[in-house]
C-alpha atoms as a PDB file:
ATOM      1  CA  UNK A   1       0.000   0.000   0.000  1.00  0.00           C
ATOM      2  CA  UNK A   2       1.525   3.349  -1.026  1.00  0.00           C
ATOM      3  CA  UNK A   3       2.355   5.790   1.715  1.00  0.00           C
ATOM      4  CA  UNK A   4       2.205   9.593   1.635  1.00  0.00           C
ATOM      5  CA  UNK A   5       5.677  11.064   1.628  1.00  0.00           C
ATOM      6  CA  UNK A   6       6.646  12.949   4.800  1.00  0.00           C
ATOM      7  CA  UNK A   7       7.268  16.096   2.780  1.00  0.00           C
ATOM      8  CA  UNK A   8       3.647  16.105   1.556  1.00  0.00           C
ATOM      9  CA  UNK A   9       2.348  15.686   5.094  1.00  0.00           C
ATOM     10  CA  UNK A  10       4.327  18.682   6.241  1.00  0.00           C
ATOM     11  CA  UNK A  11       2.962  20.714   3.345  1.00  0.00           C
ATOM     12  CA  UNK A  12      -0.659  19.881   4.253  1.00  0.00           C
ATOM     13  CA  UNK A  13      -0.033  20.727   7.900  1.00  0.00           C
ATOM     14  CA  UNK A  14       1.420  24.103   7.061  1.00  0.00           C
ATOM     15  CA  UNK A  15      -1.635  24.893   4.917  1.00  0.00           C
ATOM     16  CA  UNK A  16      -4.468  23.771   7.228  1.00  0.00           C
ATOM     17  CA  UNK A  17      -3.215  24.346  10.762  1.00  0.00           C
ATOM     18  CA  UNK A  18      -2.840  28.154  10.830  1.00  0.00           C
ATOM     19  CA  UNK A  19      -6.471  28.936   9.754  1.00  0.00           C
ATOM     20  CA  UNK A  20      -7.822  26.609  12.442  1.00  0.00           C
ATOM     21  CA  UNK A  21      -5.592  28.260  15.000  1.00  0.00           C
ATOM     22  CA  UNK A  22      -6.638  31.689  13.836  1.00  0.00           C
ATOM     23  CA  UNK A  23     -10.335  30.773  14.071  1.00  0.00           C
ATOM     24  CA  UNK A  24      -9.827  29.415  17.561  1.00  0.00           C
ATOM     25  CA  UNK A  25      -7.971  32.542  18.613  1.00  0.00           C
ATOM     26  CA  UNK A  26     -10.699  34.801  17.195  1.00  0.00           C
ATOM     27  CA  UNK A  27     -13.389  32.746  18.923  1.00  0.00           C
ATOM     28  CA  UNK A  28     -11.626  32.979  22.261  1.00  0.00           C
ATOM     29  CA  UNK A  29     -10.976  36.686  21.828  1.00  0.00           C
ATOM     30  CA  UNK A  30     -14.622  37.343  20.936  1.00  0.00           C
ATOM     31  CA  UNK A  31     -15.865  35.272  23.870  1.00  0.00           C
ATOM     32  CA  UNK A  32     -13.589  37.172  26.232  1.00  0.00           C
ATOM     33  CA  UNK A  33     -14.456  40.599  24.835  1.00  0.00           C
ATOM     34  CA  UNK A  34     -18.214  40.128  24.603  1.00  0.00           C
ATOM     35  CA  UNK A  35     -18.976  40.506  28.338  1.00  0.00           C
ATOM     36  CA  UNK A  36     -17.020  43.768  28.309  1.00  0.00           C
ATOM     37  CA  UNK A  37     -18.039  45.249  24.954  1.00  0.00           C
ATOM     38  CA  UNK A  38     -21.760  44.361  25.012  1.00  0.00           C
ATOM     39  CA  UNK A  39     -22.599  46.399  28.151  1.00  0.00           C
ATOM     40  CA  UNK A  40     -20.459  49.264  26.868  1.00  0.00           C
ATOM     41  CA  UNK A  41     -22.192  49.239  23.478  1.00  0.00           C
ATOM     42  CA  UNK A  42     -25.703  49.033  24.926  1.00  0.00           C
ATOM     43  CA  UNK A  43     -25.070  51.737  27.538  1.00  0.00           C
ATOM     44  CA  UNK A  44     -23.482  54.132  25.042  1.00  0.00           C
ATOM     45  CA  UNK A  45     -26.291  53.511  22.538  1.00  0.00           C
ATOM     46  CA  UNK A  46     -28.966  54.274  25.151  1.00  0.00           C
ATOM     47  CA  UNK A  47     -27.123  57.425  26.203  1.00  0.00           C
ATOM     48  CA  UNK A  48     -26.795  58.575  22.596  1.00  0.00           C
ATOM     49  CA  UNK A  49     -30.495  57.935  21.958  1.00  0.00           C
ATOM     50  CA  UNK A  50     -31.418  59.826  25.146  1.00  0.00           C
ATOM     51  CA  UNK A  51     -29.367  62.874  24.194  1.00  0.00           C
ATOM     52  CA  UNK A  52     -30.565  62.824  20.569  1.00  0.00           C
ATOM     53  CA  UNK A  53     -34.245  62.608  21.506  1.00  0.00           C
ATOM     54  CA  UNK A  54     -34.095  65.286  24.193  1.00  0.00           C
ATOM     55  CA  UNK A  55     -32.029  67.698  22.125  1.00  0.00           C
ATOM     56  CA  UNK A  56     -34.376  67.211  19.197  1.00  0.00           C
ATOM     57  CA  UNK A  57     -37.411  67.837  21.406  1.00  0.00           C
ATOM     58  CA  UNK A  58     -36.214  70.648  23.664  1.00  0.00           C
ATOM     59  CA  UNK A  59     -33.109  72.419  22.375  1.00  0.00           C
ATOM     60  CA  UNK A  60     -35.277  74.993  20.583  1.00  0.00           C
ATOM     61  CA  UNK A  61     -38.964  74.046  20.942  1.00  0.00           C
ATOM     62  CA  UNK A  62     -41.295  75.763  18.482  1.00  0.00           C
ATOM     63  CA  UNK A  63     -45.057  75.327  18.453  1.00  0.00           C
ATOM     64  CA  UNK A  64     -46.768  74.121  15.289  1.00  0.00           C
ATOM     65  CA  UNK A  65     -50.498  74.271  14.612  1.00  0.00           C
ATOM     66  CA  UNK A  66     -51.348  75.377  18.127  1.00  0.00           C
ATOM     67  CA  UNK A  67     -55.168  75.561  17.963  1.00  0.00           C
ATOM     68  CA  UNK A  68     -56.758  78.912  18.778  1.00  0.00           C
ATOM     69  CA  UNK A  69     -60.298  80.157  18.139  1.00  0.00           C
ATOM     70  CA  UNK A  70     -61.494  83.531  16.903  1.00  0.00           C
ATOM     71  CA  UNK A  71     -65.031  84.792  17.409  1.00  0.00           C
ATOM     72  CA  UNK A  72     -66.504  85.671  14.022  1.00  0.00           C
ATOM     73  CA  UNK A  73     -66.816  84.240  10.544  1.00  0.00           C
ATOM     74  CA  UNK A  74     -64.148  82.500   8.477  1.00  0.00           C
ATOM     75  CA  UNK A  75     -63.012  85.820   7.010  1.00  0.00           C
ATOM     76  CA  UNK A  76     -62.374  87.273  10.449  1.00  0.00           C
ATOM     77  CA  UNK A  77     -60.401  84.184  11.419  1.00  0.00           C
ATOM     78  CA  UNK A  78     -58.253  84.492   8.275  1.00  0.00           C
ATOM     79  CA  UNK A  79     -57.538  88.155   8.986  1.00  0.00           C
ATOM     80  CA  UNK A  80     -56.407  87.334  12.513  1.00  0.00           C
ATOM     81  CA  UNK A  81     -54.286  84.433  11.268  1.00  0.00           C
ATOM     82  CA  UNK A  82     -52.560  86.679   8.703  1.00  0.00           C
ATOM     83  CA  UNK A  83     -51.643  89.182  11.424  1.00  0.00           C
ATOM     84  CA  UNK A  84     -50.228  86.707  13.907  1.00  0.00           C
ATOM     85  CA  UNK A  85     -46.465  86.842  14.431  1.00  0.00           C
ATOM     86  CA  UNK A  86     -44.009  84.397  12.937  1.00  0.00           C
ATOM     87  CA  UNK A  87     -41.863  82.617  12.025  1.00  0.00           C
ATOM     88  CA  UNK A  88     -42.817  79.910  11.689  1.00  0.00           C
ATOM     89  CA  UNK A  89     -45.967  80.745   9.831  1.00  0.00           C
ATOM     90  CA  UNK A  90     -47.710  77.630  11.132  1.00  0.00           C
ATOM     91  CA  UNK A  91     -47.310  78.437  14.849  1.00  0.00           C
ATOM     92  CA  UNK A  92     -51.080  78.840  15.243  1.00  0.00           C
ATOM     93  CA  UNK A  93     -53.999  77.028  13.658  1.00  0.00           C
ATOM     94  CA  UNK A  94     -56.895  79.510  13.713  1.00  0.00           C
ATOM     95  CA  UNK A  95     -60.544  78.430  13.538  1.00  0.00           C
ATOM     96  CA  UNK A  96     -63.721  80.499  13.664  1.00  0.00           C
ATOM     97  CA  UNK A  97     -66.404  80.078  16.350  1.00  0.00           C
ATOM     98  CA  UNK A  98     -69.864  81.585  16.421  1.00  0.00           C
ATOM     99  CA  UNK A  99     -69.818  83.579  19.642  1.00  0.00           C
ATOM    100  CA  UNK A 100     -67.998  84.264  22.904  1.00  0.00           C
ATOM    101  CA  UNK A 101     -69.774  81.447  24.720  1.00  0.00           C
ATOM    102  CA  UNK A 102     -68.592  78.902  22.152  1.00  0.00           C
ATOM    103  CA  UNK A 103     -65.073  80.349  22.348  1.00  0.00           C
ATOM    104  CA  UNK A 104     -64.862  80.025  26.115  1.00  0.00           C
ATOM    105  CA  UNK A 105     -66.365  76.517  26.031  1.00  0.00           C
ATOM    106  CA  UNK A 106     -63.721  75.425  23.509  1.00  0.00           C
ATOM    107  CA  UNK A 107     -60.970  76.656  25.861  1.00  0.00           C
ATOM    108  CA  UNK A 108     -62.543  75.006  28.904  1.00  0.00           C
ATOM    109  CA  UNK A 109     -62.843  71.645  27.129  1.00  0.00           C
ATOM    110  CA  UNK A 110     -59.291  71.646  25.795  1.00  0.00           C
ATOM    111  CA  UNK A 111     -60.358  71.935  22.161  1.00  0.00           C
ATOM    112  CA  UNK A 112     -58.242  75.083  21.697  1.00  0.00           C
ATOM    113  CA  UNK A 113     -55.440  76.622  23.715  1.00  0.00           C
ATOM    114  CA  UNK A 114     -56.830  80.153  23.542  1.00  0.00           C
ATOM    115  CA  UNK A 115     -59.719  82.130  22.075  1.00  0.00           C
ATOM    116  CA  UNK A 116     -59.767  85.724  20.850  1.00  0.00           C
ATOM    117  CA  UNK A 117     -62.801  87.941  20.441  1.00  0.00           C
ATOM    118  CA  UNK A 118     -62.140  91.240  18.622  1.00  0.00           C
ATOM    119  CA  UNK A 119     -64.557  94.121  19.038  1.00  0.00           C
ATOM    120  CA  UNK A 120     -64.990  97.753  18.123  1.00  0.00           C
ATOM    121  CA  UNK A 121     -63.811  99.061  21.513  1.00  0.00           C
ATOM    122  CA  UNK A 122     -62.838  96.022  23.574  1.00  0.00           C
ATOM    123  CA  UNK A 123     -61.212  92.694  22.741  1.00  0.00           C
ATOM    124  CA  UNK A 124     -61.230  89.617  24.951  1.00  0.00           C
ATOM    125  CA  UNK A 125     -58.680  86.815  25.214  1.00  0.00           C
ATOM    126  CA  UNK A 126     -59.354  83.550  27.023  1.00  0.00           C
ATOM    127  CA  UNK A 127     -56.610  81.055  27.732  1.00  0.00           C
ATOM    128  CA  UNK A 128     -56.040  78.024  29.956  1.00  0.00           C
ATOM    129  CA  UNK A 129     -53.276  78.467  32.511  1.00  0.00           C
ATOM    130  CA  UNK A 130     -53.518  74.733  33.185  1.00  0.00           C
ATOM    131  CA  UNK A 131     -51.600  74.134  29.949  1.00  0.00           C
ATOM    132  CA  UNK A 132     -48.519  75.623  31.583  1.00  0.00           C
ATOM    133  CA  UNK A 133     -46.579  78.885  31.518  1.00  0.00           C
ATOM    134  CA  UNK A 134     -44.985  78.264  28.117  1.00  0.00           C
ATOM    135  CA  UNK A 135     -48.358  78.042  26.369  1.00  0.00           C
ATOM    136  CA  UNK A 136     -49.702  81.007  28.335  1.00  0.00           C
ATOM    137  CA  UNK A 137     -46.761  83.182  27.288  1.00  0.00           C
ATOM    138  CA  UNK A 138     -47.033  82.113  23.651  1.00  0.00           C
ATOM    139  CA  UNK A 139     -50.736  82.810  23.211  1.00  0.00           C
ATOM    140  CA  UNK A 140     -50.779  86.074  25.148  1.00  0.00           C
ATOM    141  CA  UNK A 141     -47.685  87.444  23.423  1.00  0.00           C
ATOM    142  CA  UNK A 142     -49.063  86.371  20.060  1.00  0.00           C
ATOM    143  CA  UNK A 143     -52.660  87.573  20.367  1.00  0.00           C
ATOM    144  CA  UNK A 144     -52.471  90.564  22.720  1.00  0.00           C
ATOM    145  CA  UNK A 145     -50.698  92.878  20.230  1.00  0.00           C
ATOM    146  CA  UNK A 146     -53.631  92.562  17.840  1.00  0.00           C
ATOM    147  CA  UNK A 147     -55.896  94.517  20.185  1.00  0.00           C
ATOM    148  CA  UNK A 148     -53.263  97.189  20.766  1.00  0.00           C
ATOM    149  CA  UNK A 149     -52.763  97.624  17.017  1.00  0.00           C
ATOM    150  CA  UNK A 150     -56.500  98.128  16.577  1.00  0.00           C
ATOM    151  CA  UNK A 151     -56.714 100.595  19.455  1.00  0.00           C
ATOM    152  CA  UNK A 152     -58.826  98.218  21.545  1.00  0.00           C
ATOM    153  CA  UNK A 153     -58.720  97.609  25.280  1.00  0.00           C
ATOM    154  CA  UNK A 154     -57.832  93.964  25.903  1.00  0.00           C
ATOM    155  CA  UNK A 155     -59.333  91.905  28.701  1.00  0.00           C
ATOM    156  CA  UNK A 156     -57.321  88.742  29.400  1.00  0.00           C
ATOM    157  CA  UNK A 157     -59.086  85.913  31.258  1.00  0.00           C
ATOM    158  CA  UNK A 158     -57.567  82.684  32.560  1.00  0.00           C
ATOM    159  CA  UNK A 159     -60.561  80.443  31.922  1.00  0.00           C
ATOM    160  CA  UNK A 160     -58.892  77.281  33.290  1.00  0.00           C
ATOM    161  CA  UNK A 161     -56.309  78.277  35.923  1.00  0.00           C
ATOM    162  CA  UNK A 162     -53.860  75.726  37.245  1.00  0.00           C
ATOM    163  CA  UNK A 163     -54.101  74.609  40.849  1.00  0.00           C
ATOM    164  CA  UNK A 164     -52.589  77.175  43.240  1.00  0.00           C
ATOM    165  CA  UNK A 165     -50.599  74.254  44.691  1.00  0.00           C
ATOM    166  CA  UNK A 166     -49.038  73.635  41.281  1.00  0.00           C
ATOM    167  CA  UNK A 167     -47.408  76.926  40.382  1.00  0.00           C
ATOM    168  CA  UNK A 168     -45.225  75.471  37.594  1.00  0.00           C
ATOM    169  CA  UNK A 169     -47.859  73.193  36.068  1.00  0.00           C
ATOM    170  CA  UNK A 170     -45.879  69.987  36.544  1.00  0.00           C
ATOM    171  CA  UNK A 171     -48.157  68.067  38.912  1.00  0.00           C
ATOM    172  CA  UNK A 172     -49.882  66.175  36.093  1.00  0.00           C
ATOM    173  CA  UNK A 173     -46.573  65.006  34.658  1.00  0.00           C
ATOM    174  CA  UNK A 174     -45.150  63.841  37.979  1.00  0.00           C
ATOM    175  CA  UNK A 175     -48.419  62.167  38.922  1.00  0.00           C
ATOM    176  CA  UNK A 176     -48.310  60.114  35.739  1.00  0.00           C
ATOM    177  CA  UNK A 177     -44.594  59.553  35.288  1.00  0.00           C
ATOM    178  CA  UNK A 178     -44.047  58.273  38.823  1.00  0.00           C
ATOM    179  CA  UNK A 179     -45.697  54.963  38.012  1.00  0.00           C
ATOM    180  CA  UNK A 180     -44.172  54.836  34.538  1.00  0.00           C
ATOM    181  CA  UNK A 181     -40.821  54.570  36.255  1.00  0.00           C
ATOM    182  CA  UNK A 182     -42.264  52.155  38.800  1.00  0.00           C
ATOM    183  CA  UNK A 183     -43.849  50.026  36.055  1.00  0.00           C
ATOM    184  CA  UNK A 184     -40.541  49.777  34.239  1.00  0.00           C
ATOM    185  CA  UNK A 185     -38.777  48.698  37.434  1.00  0.00           C
ATOM    186  CA  UNK A 186     -41.523  46.204  38.265  1.00  0.00           C
ATOM    187  CA  UNK A 187     -41.250  44.577  34.830  1.00  0.00           C
ATOM    188  CA  UNK A 188     -37.530  43.982  35.384  1.00  0.00           C
ATOM    189  CA  UNK A 189     -37.566  43.080  39.074  1.00  0.00           C
ATOM    190  CA  UNK A 190     -40.303  40.492  38.743  1.00  0.00           C
ATOM    191  CA  UNK A 191     -37.796  38.332  36.834  1.00  0.00           C
ATOM    192  CA  UNK A 192     -34.710  39.263  38.812  1.00  0.00           C
ATOM    193  CA  UNK A 193     -36.233  38.626  42.240  1.00  0.00           C
ATOM    194  CA  UNK A 194     -38.671  35.838  41.351  1.00  0.00           C
ATOM    195  CA  UNK A 195     -37.241  33.842  38.443  1.00  0.00           C
ATOM    196  CA  UNK A 196     -39.200  30.674  39.161  1.00  0.00           C
ATOM    197  CA  UNK A 197     -42.683  32.151  39.521  1.00  0.00           C
ATOM    198  CA  UNK A 198     -45.406  30.890  37.179  1.00  0.00           C
ATOM    199  CA  UNK A 199     -46.919  33.257  34.638  1.00  0.00           C
ATOM    200  CA  UNK A 200     -50.257  33.295  36.488  1.00  0.00           C
ATOM    201  CA  UNK A 201     -48.657  34.419  39.724  1.00  0.00           C
ATOM    202  CA  UNK A 202     -46.549  36.926  37.839  1.00  0.00           C
ATOM    203  CA  UNK A 203     -49.632  38.469  36.225  1.00  0.00           C
ATOM    204  CA  UNK A 204     -51.402  38.492  39.587  1.00  0.00           C
ATOM    205  CA  UNK A 205     -48.458  40.461  40.918  1.00  0.00           C
ATOM    206  CA  UNK A 206     -48.817  42.891  37.997  1.00  0.00           C
ATOM    207  CA  UNK A 207     -52.487  43.445  38.829  1.00  0.00           C
ATOM    208  CA  UNK A 208     -51.678  44.023  42.498  1.00  0.00           C
ATOM    209  CA  UNK A 209     -48.926  46.457  41.561  1.00  0.00           C
ATOM    210  CA  UNK A 210     -51.285  48.500  39.381  1.00  0.00           C
ATOM    211  CA  UNK A 211     -54.044  48.646  41.989  1.00  0.00           C
ATOM    212  CA  UNK A 212     -51.815  49.479  44.935  1.00  0.00           C
ATOM    213  CA  UNK A 213     -49.740  51.913  42.907  1.00  0.00           C
ATOM    214  CA  UNK A 214     -52.770  53.794  41.606  1.00  0.00           C
ATOM    215  CA  UNK A 215     -54.288  54.210  45.069  1.00  0.00           C
ATOM    216  CA  UNK A 216     -50.954  55.229  46.577  1.00  0.00           C
ATOM    217  CA  UNK A 217     -50.318  57.925  43.972  1.00  0.00           C
ATOM    218  CA  UNK A 218     -53.860  59.256  44.360  1.00  0.00           C
ATOM    219  CA  UNK A 219     -53.342  59.484  48.126  1.00  0.00           C
ATOM    220  CA  UNK A 220     -50.103  61.416  47.690  1.00  0.00           C
ATOM    221  CA  UNK A 221     -51.652  63.806  45.150  1.00  0.00           C
ATOM    222  CA  UNK A 222     -54.636  64.379  47.427  1.00  0.00           C
ATOM    223  CA  UNK A 223     -52.347  65.105  50.361  1.00  0.00           C
ATOM    224  CA  UNK A 224     -50.617  67.875  48.403  1.00  0.00           C
ATOM    225  CA  UNK A 225     -53.840  69.175  46.876  1.00  0.00           C
ATOM    226  CA  UNK A 226     -51.981  69.591  43.619  1.00  0.00           C
ATOM    227  CA  UNK A 227     -54.716  68.400  41.240  1.00  0.00           C
ATOM    228  CA  UNK A 228     -58.408  69.329  41.207  1.00  0.00           C
ATOM    229  CA  UNK A 229     -59.387  65.824  40.113  1.00  0.00           C
ATOM    230  CA  UNK A 230     -61.506  63.081  41.733  1.00  0.00           C
ATOM    231  CA  UNK A 231     -59.554  60.572  43.808  1.00  0.00           C
ATOM    232  CA  UNK A 232     -61.001  57.495  42.093  1.00  0.00           C
ATOM    233  CA  UNK A 233     -60.348  58.883  38.612  1.00  0.00           C
ATOM    234  CA  UNK A 234     -56.707  59.672  39.334  1.00  0.00           C
ATOM    235  CA  UNK A 235     -56.191  56.247  40.938  1.00  0.00           C
ATOM    236  CA  UNK A 236     -57.762  54.432  37.980  1.00  0.00           C
ATOM    237  CA  UNK A 237     -55.864  56.318  35.262  1.00  0.00           C
ATOM    238  CA  UNK A 238     -52.519  56.040  37.014  1.00  0.00           C
ATOM    239  CA  UNK A 239     -53.131  52.336  37.622  1.00  0.00           C
ATOM    240  CA  UNK A 240     -53.758  51.826  33.898  1.00  0.00           C
ATOM    241  CA  UNK A 241     -50.507  53.629  33.047  1.00  0.00           C
ATOM    242  CA  UNK A 242     -48.627  51.443  35.544  1.00  0.00           C
ATOM    243  CA  UNK A 243     -50.171  48.258  34.147  1.00  0.00           C
ATOM    244  CA  UNK A 244     -49.443  49.257  30.545  1.00  0.00           C
ATOM    245  CA  UNK A 245     -45.765  49.997  31.171  1.00  0.00           C
ATOM    246  CA  UNK A 246     -45.328  47.039  33.538  1.00  0.00           C
ATOM    247  CA  UNK A 247     -46.920  44.526  31.157  1.00  0.00           C
ATOM    248  CA  UNK A 248     -44.979  45.822  28.139  1.00  0.00           C
ATOM    249  CA  UNK A 249     -41.686  45.736  30.044  1.00  0.00           C
ATOM    250  CA  UNK A 250     -42.408  42.209  31.259  1.00  0.00           C
ATOM    251  CA  UNK A 251     -42.994  40.853  27.767  1.00  0.00           C
ATOM    252  CA  UNK A 252     -39.871  42.602  26.435  1.00  0.00           C
ATOM    253  CA  UNK A 253     -37.729  41.139  29.211  1.00  0.00           C
ATOM    254  CA  UNK A 254     -39.377  37.727  28.764  1.00  0.00           C
ATOM    255  CA  UNK A 255     -38.673  37.768  25.024  1.00  0.00           C
ATOM    256  CA  UNK A 256     -35.282  39.498  24.852  1.00  0.00           C
ATOM    257  CA  UNK A 257     -33.725  39.008  28.263  1.00  0.00           C
ATOM    258  CA  UNK A 258     -31.238  41.688  29.239  1.00  0.00           C
ATOM    259  CA  UNK A 259     -31.748  43.598  25.999  1.00  0.00           C
ATOM    260  CA  UNK A 260     -35.470  43.725  26.706  1.00  0.00           C
ATOM    261  CA  UNK A 261     -34.889  45.963  29.712  1.00  0.00           C
ATOM    262  CA  UNK A 262     -32.780  48.271  27.528  1.00  0.00           C
ATOM    263  CA  UNK A 263     -35.494  48.402  24.879  1.00  0.00           C
ATOM    264  CA  UNK A 264     -38.097  49.263  27.523  1.00  0.00           C
ATOM    265  CA  UNK A 265     -35.852  52.029  28.862  1.00  0.00           C
ATOM    266  CA  UNK A 266     -35.585  53.597  25.413  1.00  0.00           C
ATOM    267  CA  UNK A 267     -39.310  53.332  24.634  1.00  0.00           C
ATOM    268  CA  UNK A 268     -40.833  54.364  27.955  1.00  0.00           C
ATOM    269  CA  UNK A 269     -38.171  56.289  29.855  1.00  0.00           C
ATOM    270  CA  UNK A 270     -36.595  58.186  26.958  1.00  0.00           C
ATOM    271  CA  UNK A 271     -39.019  58.573  24.063  1.00  0.00           C
ATOM    272  CA  UNK A 272     -42.083  58.318  26.296  1.00  0.00           C
ATOM    273  CA  UNK A 273     -40.848  60.910  28.764  1.00  0.00           C
ATOM    274  CA  UNK A 274     -39.722  63.348  26.068  1.00  0.00           C
ATOM    275  CA  UNK A 275     -43.061  63.165  24.224  1.00  0.00           C
ATOM    276  CA  UNK A 276     -45.321  63.051  27.272  1.00  0.00           C
ATOM    277  CA  UNK A 277     -46.498  66.650  27.038  1.00  0.00           C
ATOM    278  CA  UNK A 278     -45.738  67.097  30.704  1.00  0.00           C
ATOM    279  CA  UNK A 279     -43.534  70.147  30.284  1.00  0.00           C
ATOM    280  CA  UNK A 280     -44.659  71.241  26.801  1.00  0.00           C
ATOM    281  CA  UNK A 281     -47.689  70.101  24.754  1.00  0.00           C
ATOM    282  CA  UNK A 282     -47.176  67.796  21.809  1.00  0.00           C
ATOM    283  CA  UNK A 283     -47.626  70.788  19.473  1.00  0.00           C
ATOM    284  CA  UNK A 284     -44.122  71.886  20.529  1.00  0.00           C
ATOM    285  CA  UNK A 285     -42.496  68.622  19.445  1.00  0.00           C
ATOM    286  CA  UNK A 286     -40.743  68.131  16.090  1.00  0.00           C
ATOM    287  CA  UNK A 287     -42.915  66.315  13.533  1.00  0.00           C
ATOM    288  CA  UNK A 288     -41.094  62.995  13.855  1.00  0.00           C
ATOM    289  CA  UNK A 289     -41.589  62.870  17.640  1.00  0.00           C
ATOM    290  CA  UNK A 290     -45.124  64.261  17.971  1.00  0.00           C
ATOM    291  CA  UNK A 291     -46.975  61.026  16.990  1.00  0.00           C
ATOM    292  CA  UNK A 292     -45.399  59.144  19.914  1.00  0.00           C
ATOM    293  CA  UNK A 293     -47.318  61.379  22.299  1.00  0.00           C
ATOM    294  CA  UNK A 294     -50.577  59.823  21.112  1.00  0.00           C
ATOM    295  CA  UNK A 295     -49.556  56.162  21.339  1.00  0.00           C
ATOM    296  CA  UNK A 296     -47.089  55.730  24.217  1.00  0.00           C
ATOM    297  CA  UNK A 297     -48.516  55.231  27.724  1.00  0.00           C
ATOM    298  CA  UNK A 298     -46.836  58.308  29.192  1.00  0.00           C
ATOM    299  CA  UNK A 299     -48.286  60.788  26.695  1.00  0.00           C
ATOM    300  CA  UNK A 300     -51.831  59.425  26.685  1.00  0.00           C
ATOM    301  CA  UNK A 301     -51.719  59.150  30.476  1.00  0.00           C
ATOM    302  CA  UNK A 302     -50.631  62.763  30.921  1.00  0.00           C
ATOM    303  CA  UNK A 303     -53.364  64.035  28.619  1.00  0.00           C
ATOM    304  CA  UNK A 304     -55.998  61.876  30.327  1.00  0.00           C
ATOM    305  CA  UNK A 305     -55.039  63.020  33.841  1.00  0.00           C
ATOM    306  CA  UNK A 306     -54.848  66.637  32.663  1.00  0.00           C
ATOM    307  CA  UNK A 307     -58.251  66.338  31.014  1.00  0.00           C
ATOM    308  CA  UNK A 308     -59.748  64.767  34.114  1.00  0.00           C
ATOM    309  CA  UNK A 309     -58.385  67.543  36.328  1.00  0.00           C
ATOM    310  CA  UNK A 310     -59.058  70.588  34.159  1.00  0.00           C
ATOM    311  CA  UNK A 311     -60.727  70.028  30.791  1.00  0.00           C
ATOM    312  CA  UNK A 312     -63.997  68.162  31.367  1.00  0.00           C
ATOM    313  CA  UNK A 313     -62.519  64.740  30.612  1.00  0.00           C
ATOM    314  CA  UNK A 314     -60.648  65.656  27.429  1.00  0.00           C
ATOM    315  CA  UNK A 315     -58.469  62.706  26.420  1.00  0.00           C
ATOM    316  CA  UNK A 316     -59.769  60.345  29.123  1.00  0.00           C
ATOM    317  CA  UNK A 317     -61.647  57.946  26.824  1.00  0.00           C
ATOM    318  CA  UNK A 318     -58.837  57.841  24.272  1.00  0.00           C
ATOM    319  CA  UNK A 319     -56.325  57.301  27.072  1.00  0.00           C
ATOM    320  CA  UNK A 320     -58.275  54.389  28.540  1.00  0.00           C
ATOM    321  CA  UNK A 321     -58.525  52.735  25.107  1.00  0.00           C
ATOM    322  CA  UNK A 322     -54.833  53.130  24.258  1.00  0.00           C
ATOM    323  CA  UNK A 323     -53.666  52.011  27.701  1.00  0.00           C
ATOM    324  CA  UNK A 324     -56.028  49.051  27.528  1.00  0.00           C
ATOM    325  CA  UNK A 325     -54.457  47.992  24.230  1.00  0.00           C
ATOM    326  CA  UNK A 326     -50.975  48.180  25.773  1.00  0.00           C
ATOM    327  CA  UNK A 327     -52.087  46.035  28.712  1.00  0.00           C
ATOM    328  CA  UNK A 328     -53.789  43.490  26.456  1.00  0.00           C
ATOM    329  CA  UNK A 329     -50.732  43.274  24.183  1.00  0.00           C
ATOM    330  CA  UNK A 330     -48.381  42.789  27.130  1.00  0.00           C
ATOM    331  CA  UNK A 331     -50.478  40.160  28.894  1.00  0.00           C
ATOM    332  CA  UNK A 332     -51.282  38.394  25.623  1.00  0.00           C
ATOM    333  CA  UNK A 333     -47.627  38.332  24.654  1.00  0.00           C
ATOM    334  CA  UNK A 334     -46.685  36.840  28.020  1.00  0.00           C
ATOM    335  CA  UNK A 335     -49.252  34.047  27.658  1.00  0.00           C
ATOM    336  CA  UNK A 336     -48.191  33.273  24.086  1.00  0.00           C
ATOM    337  CA  UNK A 337     -44.515  33.037  25.066  1.00  0.00           C
ATOM    338  CA  UNK A 338     -45.308  30.798  28.022  1.00  0.00           C
ATOM    339  CA  UNK A 339     -47.578  28.453  26.116  1.00  0.00           C
ATOM    340  CA  UNK A 340     -45.056  28.184  23.318  1.00  0.00           C
ATOM    341  CA  UNK A 341     -42.289  27.259  25.751  1.00  0.00           C
ATOM    342  CA  UNK A 342     -40.199  30.143  24.484  1.00  0.00           C
ATOM    343  CA  UNK A 343     -36.737  30.272  26.028  1.00  0.00           C
ATOM    344  CA  UNK A 344     -34.883  33.467  26.744  1.00  0.00           C
ATOM    345  CA  UNK A 345     -32.263  33.957  24.028  1.00  0.00           C
ATOM    346  CA  UNK A 346     -29.821  35.838  26.249  1.00  0.00           C
ATOM    347  CA  UNK A 347     -28.243  35.086  29.591  1.00  0.00           C
ATOM    348  CA  UNK A 348     -28.999  37.129  32.653  1.00  0.00           C
ATOM    349  CA  UNK A 349     -32.665  36.392  33.232  1.00  0.00           C
ATOM    350  CA  UNK A 350     -33.554  32.801  34.256  1.00  0.00           C
ATOM    351  CA  UNK A 351     -36.343  31.136  32.371  1.00  0.00           C
ATOM    352  CA  UNK A 352     -39.489  31.056  34.514  1.00  0.00           C
ATOM    353  CA  UNK A 353     -41.184  27.794  35.255  1.00  0.00           C
END
């Protein structure tokens, strides 16, 4: 039987051995670097997203299509719109209303941010201080000069004043965002502290968290007297916000493991907070961020609580529907993952039993 010459064996070894060694070295290097580089990459990415979103939203906020009403016909409304200051030209969206009663009702129900009634000798401006000082300054500085230019005496009326215990208009935001943060933490901690709990017990814990959290926040708000809203309504809305964020965070962590908590932080703590309307209404957001205010739990929760406290329930029904969809999606996703026996793809969060 012929034998391979030793020289040929040496040639084959010199060709095949180095690539195998290089692959092994790269594999070991990657395995050693991954625990260091992955947290660095995720943390830097979250920080970059946070800064980008907040700078985009607040470095130079400009209102767009801020709704205001003018008493009179469509021609009067167009004349007022043409005289409003700019740029930008689309700061205000002017609509006509039939009379002063309709104008004031629109302000009180949150349909417009201000209403202006020109007259031969006297003009009247209604606004809602509950929208915050930034909106108040914008509408008064924009509409008040019209009366002066026409030689009219202007009467300015705060039709919906903020609570005297909330001088900066931030009580609604803090009331809502407190349990957004808590819901995010609950969604993570339920796996970290109780890895072996069944999905039924985990969802029971979610329900208890929402109920207790809603009542607790309502008690704190009542103690400060910061919101002129019914106790039960505040408790229910805040509980829905807590359940929506908690359920969504739970399903993200259940599906993605460690990266799920990072995704929840970006969605709810960064984008949700920036677009909540707590410090500035959604009309002040850039066009690419404004839609998030209407779909993320923080934004719809802030509008619902604000509407309950000041604007005859404006945004409450829409908020309940959107938050209910978030809760249903989170709970449904949890049940689907459990029934399918889905295993966590990443280390760090044990698979529940």
